[in-house]
Amino acid sequence: MSTIVIRNATIVNEGKTFKGDVLIKGEIISSIGSPGQIKVPHGADTIDATGLLLLPGVIDDQVHFREPGLTHKGDIFTESRAAAAGGITSFMDMPNTVPQTVTIKDLNDKYFLGSEYSLINYSFLIGATNDNLDEIMKADPSEVPGIKVFMGSSTGNMLVDKKDSLEELFKRAKMPISAHCEDEPTIRKNSEIYRNKYGDDVPFSMHPMIRSREACYLSSSFAVKLAKEFNTKLHLFHLSTADEMKLLDNEKSLREKMITGEVCVHHLWFDDTFYEQMGSRIKWNPAIKTRFDRDALINAVNNDHIDIIATDHAPHTIGEKSNSYFNTPSGGPLVQHSLVTVLEFWHRKIFTLEKIVEKMCHNPAILFNIKERGFIREGYKADMCLVNPDDPWTVSKDNILYKCGWSPFEGTTYRSRVVQTIVNGTPVYNKGVFNEDYRGQRLLFDR
């Protein structure tokens, strides 16, 4: 059993920032103490973390690692490797793969792929269709994070649009329902308007007009109505508008909330003024919207209407992203750069370190009832990352790790840098070097 002592770190955990040491024995955090308080066992490896931040490992509750079936865009090995370099130690992958993850067999096949190829801890949501409720009910809530329902079509087109199917899903669900909410009739109507106006040359700046604020709110509010009617645990993925913040509250603790919300890094960083410069590279569903919406999302993180910051990491090749508007898929790669991007908000005094750790590490563990992860606590799995808060670097082709080979953050200079990522007590990433022989563990849930 390996033993690691992390010395003189600035630990950010559970609302506090303090100097301390951490002892890791095997996979577990054995003890946490003041600097010099922990006795170093004989033969232990020592990490001098002077000047570094020690954070719990980031848990990303929404990624698309594209395996199986779409591995020309990304795969579990390449994208988990990039995630490790970004300080992420656990992920939850979405079901719109080929085949779609809508049966227990397909779900188990993906878990096998995770065990074979993921450098970090892994889990996979089962997808809802209009007619697979019986299959969903077979999933074990202690081993599966939840159900993904597309209440708006996106890459892979798993749209669930039958009201009776949605009602039965919300009535019978034994796990959290995570929803992509955009109203399909509104999108189709808007698409026709702009196609008639521009033909095939619709400017990418029209994306938030087509997948509009109205489309988001109509769908999100309907999901909330169903959740309240059937007392269902509902998690709203990638919220993008100020209006949707009215659907959330901050009056209850996260453990008590039945309706929760997530914002993604790109909706915090970009707004519609970036379309002219970046075009298809910032085409996501839901669309990036106005500066007013972005500011509302930032405020919602700080006032706890928004519970989680995630990525919706969804790589496509640069060739796929180089087409006309209607022929360009939505989505982009993010996991390598999510933590350092959000840390820029700390440098700008918009978010505190404690708030960032709460939204990216603690809250995903609480919301999904993940066992023994998400915190730097004695007895918990040793998932954590070390960050140099003042080591500037610039994103370039030479340091991008995604299989697709590009990033919407190319040319961005970050002040912070992830130095090391530890997964279950094993250093998986260390200053640009990976332990590619290590494999993460399947996430388990206290349900």
Protein backbone atom coordinates (compact mmCIF):
# COMPACT_ATOMS: atom_id res chain seq x y z
CA MET A 1 0.00 0.00 0.00
CA SER A 2 1.50 3.33 -1.05
CA THR A 3 1.67 6.27 1.32
CA ILE A 4 1.79 9.93 0.28
CA VAL A 5 2.18 13.02 2.45
CA ILE A 6 1.24 16.39 0.97
CA ARG A 7 3.04 19.11 2.93
CA ASN A 8 2.33 22.85 3.37
CA ALA A 9 -0.65 23.04 1.00
CA THR A 10 -3.25 25.79 0.98
CA ILE A 11 -6.29 23.54 1.38
CA VAL A 12 -9.67 24.74 0.08
CA ASN A 13 -12.44 22.56 1.48
CA GLU A 14 -15.94 22.85 3.00
CA GLY A 15 -16.04 26.64 3.01
CA LYS A 16 -12.59 27.17 4.49
CA THR A 17 -9.10 27.90 3.20
CA PHE A 18 -6.21 26.95 5.47
CA LYS A 19 -2.61 25.77 5.46
CA GLY A 20 -2.18 22.08 6.17
CA ASP A 21 -0.82 18.62 5.46
CA VAL A 22 -2.67 15.57 4.16
CA LEU A 23 -1.69 11.93 4.65
CA ILE A 24 -2.89 9.42 2.03
CA LYS A 25 -2.66 5.70 2.73
CA GLY A 26 -3.53 3.58 -0.26
CA GLU A 27 -6.74 4.96 -1.78
CA ILE A 28 -7.91 6.79 1.35
CA ILE A 29 -7.31 10.14 3.02
CA SER A 30 -5.91 8.98 6.36
CA SER A 31 -5.46 12.28 8.19
CA ILE A 32 -5.52 16.05 7.77
CA GLY A 33 -3.51 18.32 10.03
CA SER A 34 -1.73 21.60 10.50
CA PRO A 35 1.68 21.97 8.82
CA GLY A 36 4.17 19.62 10.45
CA GLN A 37 1.53 17.98 12.65
CA ILE A 38 1.34 14.70 10.72
CA LYS A 39 4.14 12.24 11.36
CA VAL A 40 5.62 11.04 8.09
CA PRO A 41 5.56 7.22 7.92
CA HIS A 42 8.76 5.50 6.86
CA GLY A 43 8.99 5.16 3.10
CA ALA A 44 6.23 7.67 2.36
CA ASP A 45 6.42 9.82 -0.76
CA THR A 46 6.37 13.50 0.12
CA ILE A 47 4.88 16.22 -2.05
CA ASP A 48 5.96 19.74 -1.15
CA ALA A 49 2.88 21.84 -1.88
CA THR A 50 4.27 25.15 -0.67
CA GLY A 51 2.56 27.92 -2.61
CA LEU A 52 0.01 25.51 -4.16
CA LEU A 53 -3.74 25.16 -3.70
CA LEU A 54 -5.00 21.70 -2.73
CA LEU A 55 -8.58 21.18 -3.95
CA PRO A 56 -10.88 18.16 -3.94
CA GLY A 57 -10.92 16.57 -7.38
CA VAL A 58 -13.44 18.18 -9.72
CA ILE A 59 -16.53 16.06 -10.43
CA ASP A 60 -17.96 16.86 -13.87
CA ASP A 61 -21.59 15.77 -13.98
CA GLN A 62 -22.05 16.23 -17.73
CA VAL A 63 -19.62 15.08 -20.42
CA HIS A 64 -19.83 13.43 -23.83
CA PHE A 65 -16.69 11.31 -24.26
CA ARG A 66 -18.14 9.92 -27.53
CA GLU A 67 -17.52 6.23 -26.91
CA PRO A 68 -18.88 3.97 -28.31
CA GLY A 69 -19.53 4.79 -31.92
CA LEU A 70 -18.24 8.35 -32.28
CA THR A 71 -14.60 7.82 -31.39
CA HIS A 72 -13.26 9.90 -34.28
CA LYS A 73 -14.31 12.89 -32.12
CA GLY A 74 -12.99 11.62 -28.78
CA ASP A 75 -12.91 8.50 -26.64
CA ILE A 76 -12.86 7.56 -22.99
CA PHE A 77 -9.07 7.26 -22.84
CA THR A 78 -8.20 10.52 -24.60
CA GLU A 79 -10.86 12.64 -22.94
CA SER A 80 -10.33 11.23 -19.42
CA ARG A 81 -6.62 11.95 -19.93
CA ALA A 82 -7.41 15.55 -20.86
CA ALA A 83 -9.77 15.76 -17.88
CA ALA A 84 -7.03 14.58 -15.51
CA ALA A 85 -4.79 17.37 -16.80
CA GLY A 86 -7.61 19.76 -15.90
CA GLY A 87 -7.96 18.59 -12.29
CA ILE A 88 -11.05 16.45 -12.90
CA THR A 89 -11.08 13.14 -11.02
CA SER A 90 -14.62 11.88 -11.80
CA PHE A 91 -17.09 12.24 -14.66
CA MET A 92 -20.64 11.34 -15.62
CA ASP A 93 -21.05 10.58 -19.31
CA MET A 94 -24.17 11.14 -21.40
CA PRO A 95 -26.14 8.49 -23.36
CA ASN A 96 -26.25 9.95 -26.88
CA THR A 97 -23.59 7.61 -28.26
CA VAL A 98 -23.85 4.91 -30.95
CA PRO A 99 -25.61 2.80 -29.87
CA GLN A 100 -27.55 5.07 -27.55
CA THR A 101 -27.29 4.09 -23.88
CA VAL A 102 -30.96 3.28 -23.41
CA THR A 103 -30.81 -0.38 -22.34
CA ILE A 104 -29.14 -2.10 -19.40
CA LYS A 105 -26.96 -4.05 -21.83
CA ASP A 106 -25.69 -0.89 -23.50
CA LEU A 107 -25.15 0.70 -20.09
CA ASN A 108 -23.13 -2.27 -18.88
CA ASP A 109 -21.11 -2.22 -22.11
CA LYS A 110 -20.16 1.40 -21.40
CA TYR A 111 -19.18 0.56 -17.83
CA PHE A 112 -16.86 -2.09 -19.23
CA LEU A 113 -15.29 0.52 -21.52
CA GLY A 114 -14.84 2.81 -18.53
CA SER A 115 -13.05 0.10 -16.57
CA GLU A 116 -10.77 -0.61 -19.51
CA TYR A 117 -9.87 2.90 -20.63
CA SER A 118 -10.63 5.67 -18.12
CA LEU A 119 -7.73 7.24 -16.23
CA ILE A 120 -10.20 8.79 -13.77
CA ASN A 121 -13.38 7.69 -11.99
CA TYR A 122 -16.37 7.17 -14.25
CA SER A 123 -20.12 6.83 -14.39
CA PHE A 124 -22.78 6.80 -17.11
CA LEU A 125 -26.36 8.05 -17.18
CA ILE A 126 -29.04 5.91 -18.78
CA GLY A 127 -31.00 7.71 -21.47
CA ALA A 128 -34.76 8.10 -21.73
CA THR A 129 -36.73 7.54 -24.92
CA ASN A 130 -40.44 7.66 -25.60
CA ASP A 131 -40.73 3.94 -24.92
CA ASN A 132 -37.91 2.57 -22.71
CA LEU A 133 -39.28 3.21 -19.22
CA ASP A 134 -39.32 -0.48 -18.31
CA GLU A 135 -35.62 -0.67 -19.15
CA ILE A 136 -34.85 2.42 -17.06
CA MET A 137 -36.59 0.87 -14.07
CA LYS A 138 -34.13 -2.03 -14.15
CA ALA A 139 -31.17 0.28 -13.43
CA ASP A 140 -29.72 0.03 -9.91
CA PRO A 141 -29.83 3.49 -8.25
CA SER A 142 -26.75 2.61 -6.18
CA GLU A 143 -24.70 2.08 -9.34
CA VAL A 144 -26.17 4.56 -11.85
CA PRO A 145 -26.12 8.33 -11.29
CA GLY A 146 -29.43 9.09 -12.95
CA ILE A 147 -31.61 9.38 -16.03
CA LYS A 148 -30.89 11.76 -18.90
CA VAL A 149 -33.88 13.10 -20.80
CA PHE A 150 -33.60 15.29 -23.88
CA MET A 151 -36.63 17.60 -23.84
CA GLY A 152 -35.12 19.21 -26.92
CA SER A 153 -33.22 17.48 -29.72
CA SER A 154 -29.44 17.75 -29.85
CA THR A 155 -26.51 15.71 -31.14
CA GLY A 156 -27.75 12.12 -31.42
CA ASN A 157 -31.43 13.17 -31.44
CA MET A 158 -32.84 11.39 -28.38
CA LEU A 159 -35.80 13.75 -28.15
CA VAL A 160 -38.55 12.64 -25.75
CA ASP A 161 -41.61 14.55 -26.94
CA LYS A 162 -44.62 12.49 -25.89
CA LYS A 163 -46.36 14.01 -22.89
CA ASP A 164 -47.59 10.68 -21.55
CA SER A 165 -44.06 9.24 -21.75
CA LEU A 166 -42.65 12.19 -19.83
CA GLU A 167 -45.36 11.97 -17.20
CA GLU A 168 -44.73 8.27 -16.63
CA LEU A 169 -40.98 8.89 -16.42
CA PHE A 170 -41.38 11.63 -13.81
CA LYS A 171 -43.95 9.57 -11.90
CA ARG A 172 -41.86 6.38 -11.67
CA ALA A 173 -38.25 7.59 -11.62
CA LYS A 174 -36.17 6.16 -8.76
CA MET A 175 -33.11 8.26 -9.61
CA PRO A 176 -32.57 11.95 -10.37
CA ILE A 177 -33.75 13.05 -13.80
CA SER A 178 -31.25 15.30 -15.54
CA ALA A 179 -32.86 17.26 -18.35
CA HIS A 180 -31.73 19.06 -21.49
CA CYS A 181 -34.53 21.59 -21.90
CA GLU A 182 -35.30 23.37 -25.17
CA ASP A 183 -38.77 23.50 -26.70
CA GLU A 184 -38.65 21.68 -30.02
CA PRO A 185 -41.65 23.35 -31.76
CA THR A 186 -40.18 26.78 -30.98
CA ILE A 187 -36.80 25.78 -32.39
CA ARG A 188 -38.37 24.38 -35.56
CA LYS A 189 -40.43 27.54 -36.07
CA ASN A 190 -37.38 29.77 -35.58
CA SER A 191 -35.25 27.57 -37.83
CA GLU A 192 -37.75 27.97 -40.65
CA ILE A 193 -37.83 31.76 -40.20
CA TYR A 194 -34.06 32.12 -40.44
CA ARG A 195 -33.69 29.54 -43.21
CA ASN A 196 -36.18 31.51 -45.29
CA LYS A 197 -34.25 34.71 -44.57
CA TYR A 198 -30.69 33.49 -45.13
CA GLY A 199 -30.97 30.17 -46.98
CA ASP A 200 -28.03 27.91 -46.10
CA ASP A 201 -25.86 30.86 -45.02
CA VAL A 202 -27.44 31.54 -41.64
CA PRO A 203 -24.91 33.51 -39.54
CA PHE A 204 -23.84 31.71 -36.38
CA SER A 205 -24.84 34.85 -34.48
CA MET A 206 -28.44 33.79 -35.13
CA HIS A 207 -28.00 30.63 -33.05
CA PRO A 208 -29.41 32.24 -29.87
CA MET A 209 -32.33 33.54 -31.92
CA ILE A 210 -33.12 30.06 -33.25
CA ARG A 211 -32.52 28.15 -30.01
CA SER A 212 -33.99 31.07 -28.17
CA ARG A 213 -34.48 32.17 -24.59
CA GLU A 214 -38.18 31.41 -25.05
CA ALA A 215 -37.40 27.85 -26.19
CA CYS A 216 -35.31 27.28 -23.08
CA TYR A 217 -37.82 28.68 -20.62
CA LEU A 218 -40.83 26.91 -22.12
CA SER A 219 -39.11 23.55 -21.79
CA SER A 220 -37.45 24.13 -18.41
CA SER A 221 -40.65 25.41 -16.85
CA PHE A 222 -42.53 22.38 -18.17
CA ALA A 223 -39.93 20.05 -16.64
CA VAL A 224 -40.24 21.88 -13.32
CA LYS A 225 -44.04 21.59 -13.51
CA LEU A 226 -43.76 17.81 -13.99
CA ALA A 227 -41.22 17.51 -11.15
CA LYS A 228 -43.47 19.39 -8.75
CA GLU A 229 -46.54 17.42 -9.81
CA PHE A 230 -44.87 14.04 -9.23
CA ASN A 231 -42.40 15.08 -6.49
CA THR A 232 -39.47 14.06 -8.68
CA LYS A 233 -35.81 14.93 -8.17
CA LEU A 234 -35.01 17.10 -11.22
CA HIS A 235 -31.61 18.47 -12.22
CA LEU A 236 -31.66 21.07 -15.00
CA PHE A 237 -28.55 20.76 -17.13
CA HIS A 238 -26.68 23.70 -18.77
CA LEU A 239 -29.07 26.54 -17.96
CA SER A 240 -28.39 29.55 -20.17
CA THR A 241 -30.92 32.32 -19.48
CA ALA A 242 -31.79 34.82 -16.80
CA ASP A 243 -35.44 33.76 -17.02
CA GLU A 244 -34.66 30.19 -15.95
CA MET A 245 -33.18 31.41 -12.68
CA LYS A 246 -36.77 32.15 -11.59
CA LEU A 247 -37.38 28.39 -11.58
CA LEU A 248 -34.74 27.80 -8.88
CA ASP A 249 -34.52 28.74 -5.23
CA ASN A 250 -31.83 29.10 -2.61
CA GLU A 251 -34.03 28.76 0.45
CA LYS A 252 -33.23 25.08 1.08
CA SER A 253 -29.97 23.22 1.48
CA LEU A 254 -28.84 21.24 -1.54
CA ARG A 255 -29.71 17.98 0.19
CA GLU A 256 -33.31 19.20 0.58
CA LYS A 257 -33.80 20.63 -2.90
CA MET A 258 -35.93 18.67 -5.35
CA ILE A 259 -35.16 20.99 -8.27
CA THR A 260 -31.54 21.90 -8.91
CA GLY A 261 -29.61 23.68 -11.63
CA GLU A 262 -26.29 23.56 -13.44
CA VAL A 263 -24.40 26.13 -15.46
CA CYS A 264 -21.60 25.28 -17.87
CA VAL A 265 -18.28 27.01 -18.19
CA HIS A 266 -18.94 28.35 -21.68
CA HIS A 267 -22.17 30.05 -20.61
CA LEU A 268 -20.23 31.83 -17.85
CA TRP A 269 -17.30 32.86 -20.09
CA PHE A 270 -18.80 33.76 -23.47
CA ASP A 271 -21.76 35.86 -24.59
CA ASP A 272 -23.33 36.63 -27.94
CA THR A 273 -20.73 39.27 -28.77
CA PHE A 274 -18.24 36.42 -29.37
CA TYR A 275 -20.13 34.87 -32.32
CA GLU A 276 -18.68 37.25 -34.90
CA GLN A 277 -15.14 36.29 -33.93
CA MET A 278 -15.61 32.60 -33.10
CA GLY A 279 -18.60 31.44 -35.11
CA SER A 280 -19.15 27.67 -35.05
CA ARG A 281 -16.56 27.13 -32.32
CA ILE A 282 -19.01 28.49 -29.76
CA LYS A 283 -22.11 26.85 -31.23
CA TRP A 284 -23.57 24.89 -28.30
CA ASN A 285 -27.03 23.70 -27.39
CA PRO A 286 -28.43 25.53 -25.51
CA ALA A 287 -26.99 28.57 -27.24
CA ILE A 288 -24.71 31.12 -25.63
CA LYS A 289 -26.92 34.14 -25.15
CA THR A 290 -26.59 37.77 -24.07
CA ARG A 291 -24.29 39.49 -21.62
CA PHE A 292 -27.38 40.09 -19.49
CA ASP A 293 -27.97 36.33 -19.35
CA ARG A 294 -24.31 35.63 -18.60
CA ASP A 295 -24.31 38.11 -15.73
CA ALA A 296 -27.49 36.54 -14.35
CA LEU A 297 -25.83 33.11 -14.41
CA ILE A 298 -22.76 34.44 -12.60
CA ASN A 299 -25.00 36.01 -9.95
CA ALA A 300 -26.92 32.75 -9.62
CA VAL A 301 -23.69 30.89 -8.84
CA ASN A 302 -22.89 33.37 -6.10
CA ASN A 303 -26.39 33.44 -4.60
CA ASP A 304 -26.80 29.63 -4.78
CA HIS A 305 -29.70 29.44 -7.20
CA ILE A 306 -27.22 27.54 -9.41
CA ASP A 307 -25.85 24.45 -7.67
CA ILE A 308 -23.19 23.02 -10.03
CA ILE A 309 -20.63 24.27 -12.55
CA ALA A 310 -19.86 21.65 -15.22
CA THR A 311 -18.70 21.47 -18.85
CA ASP A 312 -21.05 19.61 -21.21
CA HIS A 313 -17.73 18.62 -22.86
CA ALA A 314 -18.80 17.57 -26.37
CA PRO A 315 -15.98 17.35 -28.91
CA HIS A 316 -16.39 17.42 -32.68
CA THR A 317 -13.64 17.44 -35.27
CA ILE A 318 -12.59 20.80 -36.68
CA GLY A 319 -13.84 19.57 -40.06
CA GLU A 320 -17.30 18.94 -38.62
CA LYS A 321 -17.26 22.42 -37.07
CA SER A 322 -16.30 24.04 -40.40
CA ASN A 323 -19.62 23.68 -42.18
CA SER A 324 -22.59 25.96 -42.76
CA TYR A 325 -24.87 26.70 -39.82
CA PHE A 326 -27.41 23.88 -40.19
CA ASN A 327 -24.67 21.37 -41.06
CA THR A 328 -22.43 22.19 -38.10
CA PRO A 329 -22.97 20.14 -34.94
CA SER A 330 -23.26 21.89 -31.59
CA GLY A 331 -20.73 21.32 -28.83
CA GLY A 332 -17.06 21.73 -28.05
CA PRO A 333 -14.25 20.32 -25.87
CA LEU A 334 -13.82 21.75 -22.36
CA VAL A 335 -12.62 19.35 -19.64
CA GLN A 336 -8.91 20.26 -19.82
CA HIS A 337 -9.69 23.95 -19.30
CA SER A 338 -12.78 24.09 -17.10
CA LEU A 339 -11.13 24.50 -13.70
CA VAL A 340 -8.53 27.05 -14.82
CA THR A 341 -11.27 29.00 -16.63
CA VAL A 342 -13.39 29.23 -13.49
CA LEU A 343 -10.30 30.14 -11.45
CA GLU A 344 -10.00 33.22 -13.67
CA PHE A 345 -13.25 34.39 -12.05
CA TRP A 346 -11.46 34.10 -8.70
CA HIS A 347 -8.53 36.13 -9.96
CA ARG A 348 -11.05 38.76 -11.08
CA LYS A 349 -12.70 38.67 -7.62
CA ILE A 350 -16.02 37.42 -9.03
CA PHE A 351 -16.04 33.96 -7.35
CA THR A 352 -14.27 32.92 -4.18
CA LEU A 353 -12.15 29.79 -4.07
CA GLU A 354 -14.59 28.30 -1.59
CA LYS A 355 -17.52 28.92 -3.96
CA ILE A 356 -15.66 27.31 -6.88
CA VAL A 357 -14.88 24.19 -4.83
CA GLU A 358 -18.47 24.05 -3.62
CA LYS A 359 -19.93 24.17 -7.14
CA MET A 360 -17.38 21.94 -8.92
CA CYS A 361 -16.43 19.41 -6.23
CA HIS A 362 -18.75 19.27 -3.21
CA ASN A 363 -22.15 19.83 -4.80
CA PRO A 364 -21.97 17.18 -7.53
CA ALA A 365 -21.16 14.65 -4.79
CA ILE A 366 -24.06 15.85 -2.64
CA LEU A 367 -26.62 16.15 -5.43
CA PHE A 368 -25.95 12.68 -6.86
CA ASN A 369 -25.22 11.05 -3.46
CA ILE A 370 -21.76 9.93 -4.58
CA LYS A 371 -20.11 7.71 -1.98
CA GLU A 372 -17.00 9.03 -0.21
CA ARG A 373 -15.89 11.57 -2.82
CA GLY A 374 -16.03 15.30 -3.45
CA PHE A 375 -14.40 16.41 -0.19
CA ILE A 376 -11.01 16.37 1.48
CA ARG A 377 -12.17 14.31 4.47
CA GLU A 378 -10.58 11.60 6.51
CA GLY A 379 -11.91 8.23 5.35
CA TYR A 380 -12.83 9.52 1.91
CA LYS A 381 -11.22 8.47 -1.36
CA ALA A 382 -8.09 10.50 -2.08
CA ASP A 383 -9.31 12.40 -5.15
CA MET A 384 -7.66 15.82 -5.30
CA CYS A 385 -5.64 18.22 -7.39
CA LEU A 386 -2.82 20.66 -6.76
CA VAL A 387 -2.97 24.01 -8.52
CA ASN A 388 -0.34 26.70 -8.87
CA PRO A 389 -2.40 29.90 -8.61
CA ASP A 390 0.25 32.06 -10.26
CA ASP A 391 1.93 30.28 -13.18
CA PRO A 392 0.61 31.89 -16.39
CA TRP A 393 0.31 29.86 -19.58
CA THR A 394 -1.48 30.19 -22.91
CA VAL A 395 -3.67 27.61 -24.64
CA SER A 396 -2.19 26.59 -27.99
CA LYS A 397 -2.25 23.68 -30.42
CA ASP A 398 0.91 22.38 -28.75
CA ASN A 399 -0.69 21.86 -25.34
CA ILE A 400 -4.26 20.83 -26.25
CA LEU A 401 -4.91 17.21 -25.24
CA TYR A 402 -8.35 16.60 -26.75
CA LYS A 403 -8.51 14.03 -29.53
CA CYS A 404 -10.25 16.61 -31.73
CA GLY A 405 -7.16 18.83 -31.41
CA TRP A 406 -8.80 22.22 -30.88
CA SER A 407 -10.27 24.33 -28.09
CA PRO A 408 -12.57 27.37 -27.95
CA PHE A 409 -10.00 28.79 -25.50
CA GLU A 410 -7.05 28.79 -27.93
CA GLY A 411 -5.08 31.98 -27.37
CA THR A 412 -6.44 32.46 -23.85
CA THR A 413 -3.83 33.05 -21.17
CA TYR A 414 -4.62 31.58 -17.77
CA ARG A 415 -2.97 32.67 -14.56
CA SER A 416 -3.48 29.32 -12.76
CA ARG A 417 -2.11 25.93 -13.77
CA VAL A 418 -3.05 22.41 -12.63
CA VAL A 419 0.16 20.85 -11.35
CA GLN A 420 -0.93 17.40 -10.21
CA THR A 421 -4.08 15.27 -10.13
CA ILE A 422 -4.45 12.37 -7.70
CA VAL A 423 -7.16 9.73 -8.26
CA ASN A 424 -7.86 7.21 -5.49
CA GLY A 425 -4.47 7.99 -3.97
CA THR A 426 -2.58 7.51 -7.24
CA PRO A 427 -0.91 10.45 -9.01
CA VAL A 428 -2.37 10.20 -12.51
CA TYR A 429 -1.12 13.55 -13.81
CA ASN A 430 2.04 15.33 -12.68
CA LYS A 431 3.44 18.40 -14.46
CA GLY A 432 2.59 17.19 -17.95
CA VAL A 433 3.37 13.51 -17.32
CA PHE A 434 0.59 10.89 -17.12
CA ASN A 435 0.38 7.51 -15.44
CA GLU A 436 -1.39 5.95 -18.40
CA ASP A 437 -1.41 2.48 -16.82
CA TYR A 438 -3.77 3.56 -14.05
CA ARG A 439 -7.53 3.09 -14.33
CA GLY A 440 -10.17 4.92 -12.31
CA GLN A 441 -13.06 3.38 -10.41
CA ARG A 442 -16.78 3.18 -11.00
CA LEU A 443 -18.66 5.76 -8.96
CA LEU A 444 -21.14 4.39 -6.42
CA PHE A 445 -24.12 6.17 -4.90
CA ASP A 446 -25.64 6.23 -1.40
CA ARG A 447 -29.22 5.46 -2.34
